[in-house]
Protein backbone atom coordinates (compact mmCIF):
# COMPACT_ATOMS: atom_id res chain seq x y z
CA MET A 1 -25.09 49.58 -30.63
CA THR A 2 -24.95 48.07 -27.64
CA GLN A 3 -28.14 46.52 -26.39
CA GLN A 4 -29.71 47.67 -23.22
CA LEU A 5 -30.46 44.85 -20.84
CA VAL A 6 -34.26 45.41 -19.67
CA GLY A 7 -34.83 45.03 -16.02
CA ILE A 8 -37.85 43.46 -14.33
CA ASN A 9 -39.55 46.23 -12.82
CA PRO A 10 -42.17 45.96 -9.85
CA ARG A 11 -45.51 45.53 -12.08
CA GLN A 12 -43.92 43.07 -13.93
CA GLN A 13 -43.22 41.36 -10.68
CA GLN A 14 -47.25 41.39 -10.53
CA LEU A 15 -47.80 38.79 -13.49
CA ASP A 16 -49.88 36.68 -11.35
CA LYS A 17 -51.93 38.64 -10.40
CA ILE A 18 -52.97 40.00 -13.83
CA VAL A 19 -53.46 36.54 -14.94
CA PHE A 20 -55.87 36.34 -11.83
CA PHE A 21 -57.70 39.53 -12.65
CA CYS A 22 -58.51 37.93 -16.59
CA SER A 23 -59.93 34.64 -14.45
CA VAL A 24 -62.38 37.01 -12.44
CA ILE A 25 -63.26 39.03 -15.60
CA GLN A 26 -63.46 35.39 -17.52
CA HIS A 27 -65.72 33.86 -14.48
CA GLY A 28 -67.58 37.38 -13.93
CA SER A 29 -67.01 36.40 -10.16
CA PHE A 30 -64.56 36.74 -7.35
CA ARG A 31 -65.84 33.46 -5.63
CA GLU A 32 -65.64 31.35 -9.08
CA ALA A 33 -62.26 32.68 -9.90
CA ALA A 34 -61.03 31.91 -6.27
CA GLU A 35 -62.53 28.36 -6.34
CA ALA A 36 -61.03 27.98 -9.95
CA TRP A 37 -57.23 29.16 -8.56
CA GLY A 38 -57.62 27.53 -5.07
CA ILE A 39 -57.61 30.25 -2.79
CA SER A 40 -60.26 32.11 -0.66
CA ALA A 41 -62.62 35.01 -2.03
CA ALA A 42 -60.79 37.34 0.65
CA ALA A 43 -57.48 36.63 -1.05
CA ALA A 44 -58.86 37.13 -4.48
CA SER A 45 -60.85 40.62 -3.24
CA ARG A 46 -56.99 41.46 -1.83
CA TRP A 47 -54.98 40.64 -5.06
CA ILE A 48 -57.32 42.56 -7.19
CA LYS A 49 -56.67 45.90 -4.98
CA GLU A 50 -53.36 45.10 -4.70
CA LEU A 51 -53.07 45.30 -8.43
CA GLU A 52 -55.20 48.38 -8.90
CA GLY A 53 -52.46 50.08 -6.44
CA LEU A 54 -49.70 49.01 -8.24
CA MET A 55 -51.16 50.29 -11.67
CA ALA A 56 -52.87 53.51 -9.39
CA VAL A 57 -56.21 52.85 -11.41
CA GLU A 58 -59.47 51.19 -10.77
CA LEU A 59 -59.97 48.07 -12.55
CA ILE A 60 -63.19 46.70 -11.61
CA LYS A 61 -66.30 48.51 -11.28
CA ARG A 62 -67.98 47.27 -7.45
CA SER A 63 -71.09 49.42 -7.80
CA THR A 64 -73.04 46.49 -8.95
CA ARG A 65 -73.78 43.23 -8.30
CA GLN A 66 -72.39 41.73 -11.68
CA LEU A 67 -68.52 42.78 -12.07
CA VAL A 68 -67.81 45.10 -14.81
CA PRO A 69 -64.52 46.14 -16.00
CA THR A 70 -63.49 49.61 -16.06
CA ASP A 71 -62.50 50.95 -19.47
CA ALA A 72 -58.57 50.40 -18.09
CA GLY A 73 -59.75 46.97 -16.93
CA GLU A 74 -60.98 46.31 -20.25
CA MET A 75 -58.01 47.11 -22.07
CA LEU A 76 -55.60 45.21 -19.85
CA TYR A 77 -57.75 41.93 -19.98
CA ARG A 78 -58.53 42.82 -23.81
CA ARG A 79 -54.46 42.87 -24.46
CA PHE A 80 -53.21 40.58 -21.83
CA SER A 81 -55.84 37.73 -22.13
CA SER A 82 -54.67 37.16 -26.12
CA LEU A 83 -51.13 35.95 -24.31
CA LEU A 84 -52.48 33.38 -22.03
CA PRO A 85 -51.98 30.81 -24.61
CA GLU A 86 -48.49 31.56 -25.48
CA ILE A 87 -47.96 31.26 -22.15
CA ASP A 88 -49.02 28.08 -21.33
CA THR A 89 -47.69 27.09 -23.91
CA ILE A 90 -44.38 28.06 -23.01
CA CYS A 91 -44.80 26.60 -19.70
CA SER A 92 -45.80 23.24 -20.91
CA GLU A 93 -43.17 22.99 -23.45
CA VAL A 94 -40.31 23.84 -20.61
CA GLY A 95 -42.12 21.33 -17.79
CA SER A 96 -42.01 18.54 -20.64
CA MET A 97 -38.19 18.86 -21.00
CA ALA A 98 -37.93 17.03 -17.55
CA ASP A 99 -39.94 14.01 -19.19
CA GLU A 100 -38.56 13.98 -23.11
CA GLN A 101 -35.36 13.15 -24.49
CA ARG A 102 -33.62 16.13 -25.46
CA GLY A 103 -30.87 18.75 -23.91
CA VAL A 104 -27.35 18.23 -23.38
CA ILE A 105 -25.69 15.93 -21.34
CA SER A 106 -22.39 16.41 -20.59
CA ILE A 107 -19.58 13.86 -19.40
CA SER A 108 -16.22 13.63 -18.24
CA SER A 109 -14.17 10.78 -18.88
CA THR A 110 -11.06 9.08 -18.67
CA PRO A 111 -9.53 8.49 -21.38
CA LEU A 112 -9.28 4.79 -21.59
CA TYR A 113 -13.16 4.20 -21.05
CA ALA A 114 -14.04 6.76 -23.85
CA ALA A 115 -12.07 4.93 -26.67
CA TYR A 116 -12.83 1.47 -25.49
CA TYR A 117 -16.58 1.74 -24.86
CA LEU A 118 -17.79 5.55 -24.32
CA ARG A 119 -17.87 6.63 -27.85
CA GLU A 120 -19.67 3.49 -29.39
CA ILE A 121 -22.24 4.16 -26.34
CA ILE A 122 -22.95 7.79 -27.31
CA ALA A 123 -22.91 7.28 -31.07
CA GLU A 124 -25.50 4.85 -30.71
CA TYR A 125 -27.77 7.10 -28.45
CA MET A 126 -27.30 10.22 -30.80
CA GLU A 127 -28.59 7.87 -33.28
CA MET A 128 -31.58 6.69 -31.56
CA HIS A 129 -32.40 10.20 -29.77
CA PRO A 130 -31.22 13.20 -32.68
CA GLN A 131 -32.82 15.78 -30.19
CA VAL A 132 -30.03 14.47 -27.22
CA ASN A 133 -26.38 16.33 -27.37
CA PHE A 134 -23.43 15.41 -25.72
CA ARG A 135 -20.43 17.71 -23.85
CA LEU A 136 -17.44 15.18 -23.99
CA PHE A 137 -14.49 16.24 -22.15
CA ILE A 138 -11.56 13.16 -22.12
CA GLU A 139 -9.62 13.98 -19.04
CA ALA A 140 -7.94 11.68 -16.27
CA GLY A 141 -7.83 14.34 -13.38
CA GLU A 142 -10.24 15.70 -11.25
CA THR A 143 -13.52 17.64 -12.47
CA ASP A 144 -15.87 19.63 -10.39
CA PRO A 145 -19.18 17.43 -10.39
CA LEU A 146 -21.41 20.82 -10.39
CA HIS A 147 -19.85 21.24 -13.79
CA VAL A 148 -21.04 17.92 -15.47
CA ASP A 149 -23.67 15.45 -15.20
CA PHE A 150 -21.80 12.40 -15.20
CA ILE A 151 -18.24 11.91 -14.19
CA ILE A 152 -16.25 8.55 -15.02
CA ARG A 153 -12.86 7.63 -13.62
CA ALA A 154 -10.55 4.86 -13.20
CA LYS A 155 -9.30 3.45 -9.84
CA ALA A 156 -7.15 1.05 -8.72
CA THR A 157 -8.80 -1.05 -5.93
CA ASN A 158 -7.47 -2.78 -2.90
CA ARG A 159 -7.65 -3.19 0.64
CA GLU A 160 -5.42 -0.56 1.47
CA THR A 161 -6.78 1.81 -1.25
CA GLU A 162 -10.43 2.22 -0.24
CA GLU A 163 -12.75 5.02 -2.00
CA LYS A 164 -12.95 8.01 0.59
CA ASP A 165 -17.07 8.94 1.06
CA SER A 166 -18.17 10.97 -1.14
CA LEU A 167 -21.84 12.92 -1.91
CA LEU A 168 -21.42 11.25 -5.10
CA ILE A 169 -23.38 8.29 -6.34
CA ARG A 170 -21.20 5.43 -7.40
CA ARG A 171 -21.89 2.72 -9.92
CA LEU A 172 -19.59 0.21 -10.97
CA LEU A 173 -19.32 0.26 -15.05
CA LEU A 174 -16.36 -2.55 -15.57
CA SER A 175 -13.68 -4.36 -13.29
CA GLU A 176 -10.85 -6.44 -14.67
CA PRO A 177 -7.19 -7.46 -13.46
CA LEU A 178 -4.54 -5.41 -13.47
CA TYR A 179 -0.66 -7.14 -14.33
CA ALA A 180 2.94 -6.03 -13.92
CA CYS A 181 4.29 -6.48 -17.98
CA ALA A 182 7.25 -5.34 -20.09
CA SER A 183 8.79 -6.48 -22.99
CA PRO A 184 11.14 -9.63 -23.67
CA GLN A 185 13.71 -7.05 -24.88
CA TYR A 186 13.64 -5.10 -21.77
CA LEU A 187 13.33 -8.33 -19.54
CA ALA A 188 16.71 -9.77 -21.50
CA ARG A 189 18.27 -6.67 -21.25
CA CYS A 190 17.41 -5.58 -16.97
CA GLY A 191 16.36 -8.97 -15.44
CA VAL A 192 13.11 -10.20 -14.48
CA PRO A 193 11.63 -9.30 -10.88
CA GLU A 194 10.98 -12.44 -9.28
CA GLU A 195 9.41 -10.39 -5.85
CA PRO A 196 7.30 -6.75 -6.24
CA GLU A 197 9.85 -5.37 -3.74
CA ALA A 198 12.11 -5.88 -6.63
CA LEU A 199 10.60 -3.34 -9.09
CA ARG A 200 12.38 -0.47 -7.02
CA GLU A 201 15.29 -1.59 -9.17
CA HIS A 202 13.75 -1.26 -12.31
CA ARG A 203 12.55 1.59 -14.57
CA CYS A 204 8.86 1.66 -13.99
CA LEU A 205 5.68 3.51 -16.28
CA TYR A 206 2.69 4.99 -14.06
CA ALA A 207 -0.29 6.85 -14.56
CA SER A 208 -0.99 8.71 -11.23
CA SER A 209 -4.97 8.70 -12.23
CA LEU A 210 -4.86 5.48 -13.29
CA VAL A 211 -3.94 2.83 -10.60
CA GLY A 212 -2.83 5.42 -7.52
CA GLY A 213 0.49 6.84 -8.86
CA ASN A 214 3.78 5.32 -8.21
CA ARG A 215 2.45 3.23 -5.58
CA TRP A 216 1.80 -0.70 -6.49
CA TYR A 217 -0.30 -3.40 -4.88
CA PHE A 218 0.33 -7.28 -5.05
CA ARG A 219 -1.10 -9.65 -2.49
CA LEU A 220 0.44 -13.25 -1.80
CA ASN A 221 -1.24 -15.63 0.83
CA GLY A 222 -4.04 -12.90 1.92
CA ILE A 223 -0.91 -10.57 2.45
CA ASN A 224 -1.13 -7.04 0.78
CA ARG A 225 2.39 -5.94 -0.08
CA ALA A 226 2.65 -2.42 -1.48
CA VAL A 227 5.66 -1.24 -3.47
CA THR A 228 6.41 2.45 -4.61
CA ILE A 229 8.26 2.19 -7.58
CA SER A 230 10.58 4.52 -9.14
CA ASP A 231 9.33 7.19 -11.02
CA ALA A 232 10.96 6.41 -15.07
CA LEU A 233 7.49 7.80 -17.33
CA GLU A 234 4.29 9.11 -15.81
CA CYS A 235 1.42 9.46 -18.58
CA ASP A 236 -2.03 9.76 -17.87
CA ASN A 237 -2.86 7.51 -20.94
CA SER A 238 -3.24 3.47 -21.03
CA GLU A 239 -2.10 3.38 -24.38
CA ILE A 240 0.85 4.98 -24.45
CA LEU A 241 2.11 3.26 -21.44
CA ARG A 242 1.48 0.31 -23.34
CA ASP A 243 3.31 1.07 -26.15
CA MET A 244 6.17 2.64 -24.24
CA ALA A 245 6.53 -0.96 -22.36
CA ILE A 246 6.45 -2.56 -25.71
CA ARG A 247 9.38 -0.48 -27.22
CA GLY A 248 11.20 -1.83 -24.12
CA ALA A 249 11.22 1.81 -21.87
CA GLY A 250 10.26 -0.41 -18.91
CA ILE A 251 7.72 -2.02 -16.83
CA ALA A 252 3.90 -1.16 -16.81
CA TYR A 253 0.64 -1.71 -14.52
CA LEU A 254 -2.05 -1.91 -16.75
CA PRO A 255 -5.59 -3.24 -17.13
CA HIS A 256 -5.90 -6.62 -19.12
CA SER A 257 -8.02 -5.23 -22.08
CA VAL A 258 -5.16 -3.02 -22.47
CA ILE A 259 -2.35 -5.26 -22.60
CA LYS A 260 -4.16 -8.43 -24.18
CA ALA A 261 -3.09 -8.29 -27.83
CA GLY A 262 0.14 -7.13 -26.76
CA LEU A 263 0.49 -10.46 -24.66
CA ASP A 264 -0.94 -12.59 -27.46
CA SER A 265 1.68 -11.47 -29.94
CA GLY A 266 4.52 -12.12 -27.27
CA GLU A 267 5.55 -8.27 -27.36
CA LEU A 268 4.52 -7.97 -23.71
CA GLN A 269 5.61 -10.59 -20.72
CA VAL A 270 3.15 -10.98 -17.55
CA LEU A 271 5.49 -10.43 -14.10
CA LEU A 272 4.96 -11.85 -10.69
CA THR A 273 2.60 -14.52 -11.71
CA ASP A 274 2.54 -16.01 -8.36
CA PHE A 275 1.05 -12.56 -6.82
CA VAL A 276 -2.49 -11.48 -7.19
CA ALA A 277 -2.32 -7.98 -8.38
CA SER A 278 -4.85 -4.80 -7.97
CA GLN A 279 -7.93 -4.87 -9.31
CA PHE A 280 -8.96 -2.10 -11.80
CA ASP A 281 -12.31 -0.71 -11.82
CA ILE A 282 -13.78 2.20 -13.82
CA ASN A 283 -16.73 3.90 -12.17
CA LEU A 284 -19.27 6.20 -13.05
CA TYR A 285 -20.17 8.98 -10.50
CA PHE A 286 -23.02 11.92 -10.56
CA ARG A 287 -24.88 13.96 -8.39
CA PRO A 288 -28.20 12.93 -6.44
CA ARG A 289 -30.54 14.86 -8.15
CA HIS A 290 -34.27 14.05 -7.68
CA PRO A 291 -35.74 14.06 -10.01
CA MET A 292 -32.80 13.55 -12.40
CA PRO A 293 -33.75 14.88 -15.71
CA ALA A 294 -34.89 12.50 -18.07
CA ARG A 295 -32.41 12.77 -20.57
CA CYS A 296 -29.48 11.93 -17.79
CA GLN A 297 -31.93 8.92 -16.09
CA ALA A 298 -32.24 7.42 -19.83
CA PHE A 299 -28.79 7.58 -20.80
CA LYS A 300 -26.86 6.16 -17.52
CA GLU A 301 -29.16 3.20 -18.07
CA TYR A 302 -28.35 2.78 -21.56
CA MET A 303 -24.68 3.64 -20.69
CA LEU A 304 -24.71 1.06 -17.87
CA ARG A 305 -25.90 -2.01 -19.98
CA ARG A 306 -24.53 -1.35 -22.89
CA THR A 307 -21.20 -1.79 -21.58
CA GLU A 308 -21.69 -5.21 -19.62
CA GLU A 309 -23.13 -6.48 -23.33
CA ILE A 310 -20.15 -4.43 -24.86
CA ILE A 311 -17.82 -6.44 -22.20
CA SER A 312 -19.36 -9.75 -22.61
CA GLN A 313 -18.86 -9.49 -26.69
CA GLN A 314 -15.55 -9.26 -26.30
CA GLU A 315 -15.25 -12.50 -24.14
CA ILE A 316 -17.10 -14.31 -26.56
CA HIS A 317 -15.21 -12.80 -29.47
CA HIS A 318 -11.79 -13.69 -27.22
CA GLY A 319 -13.36 -17.40 -26.21
CA ARG A 320 -12.99 -16.66 -22.51
């Protein structure tokens, strides 16, 4: 059986006047009730008249100096005043949610940051705040900022690819250098590029969302050189690109943290070492909200701090 939706009728729209009516009966005076509510005595009298008009019944006898509820007024006060404590409790609980660590935090994150940082950070935070839940979307493309609390995206930065103005607030989570790299097997088979422009003759592996697509940037002596590479393989997952490069599929353009193990093991080799490549940034984006919900504000600060701490721990571990 389909449940019929109950609409809001005009009487329900006068709930504030009913609550004020209860206050008048409790105080025994229009003037005292009006003072408690911060309204004029004339407004107080008008509210009660409007309420009586809406209900089509007299609620208060005005023939004596003392306010006396009619039978209808007495029933309304008796039935409704018992609900006031519950209404106060509901309003208090709803209002307190703005100051409490509870509710849902939704995040859209690039796969790289989610794998290397975010999964650890969220796990820690959920343990500290059991009443906070998360919705995590792992995606490299664009996301509607109205549908999530935070967006985490990767970007290669250089003077020619400055970020466009955005209504979103941006906070830098981490920054590290990008390197062109390939396996020794691929280089033995296809040759070692000595200039960025030589990359056009090679099979290149790239992520459109990771470093700006098939346009790679290098700098030498303060001069930027942009190269549009061949599109042998496009993939939005940096770890897959790394693994493909290790297997000899081509040249990749990846952050240092992703390829470090491959460099240490000799499975990958850095190319174009005379040139400075782009810087790889991962940024946190969020809408300006005043105030931002407490759960989001607290998690944002925790995420920024813990990302910095994890990077420091990694540098100590690797002896940097």
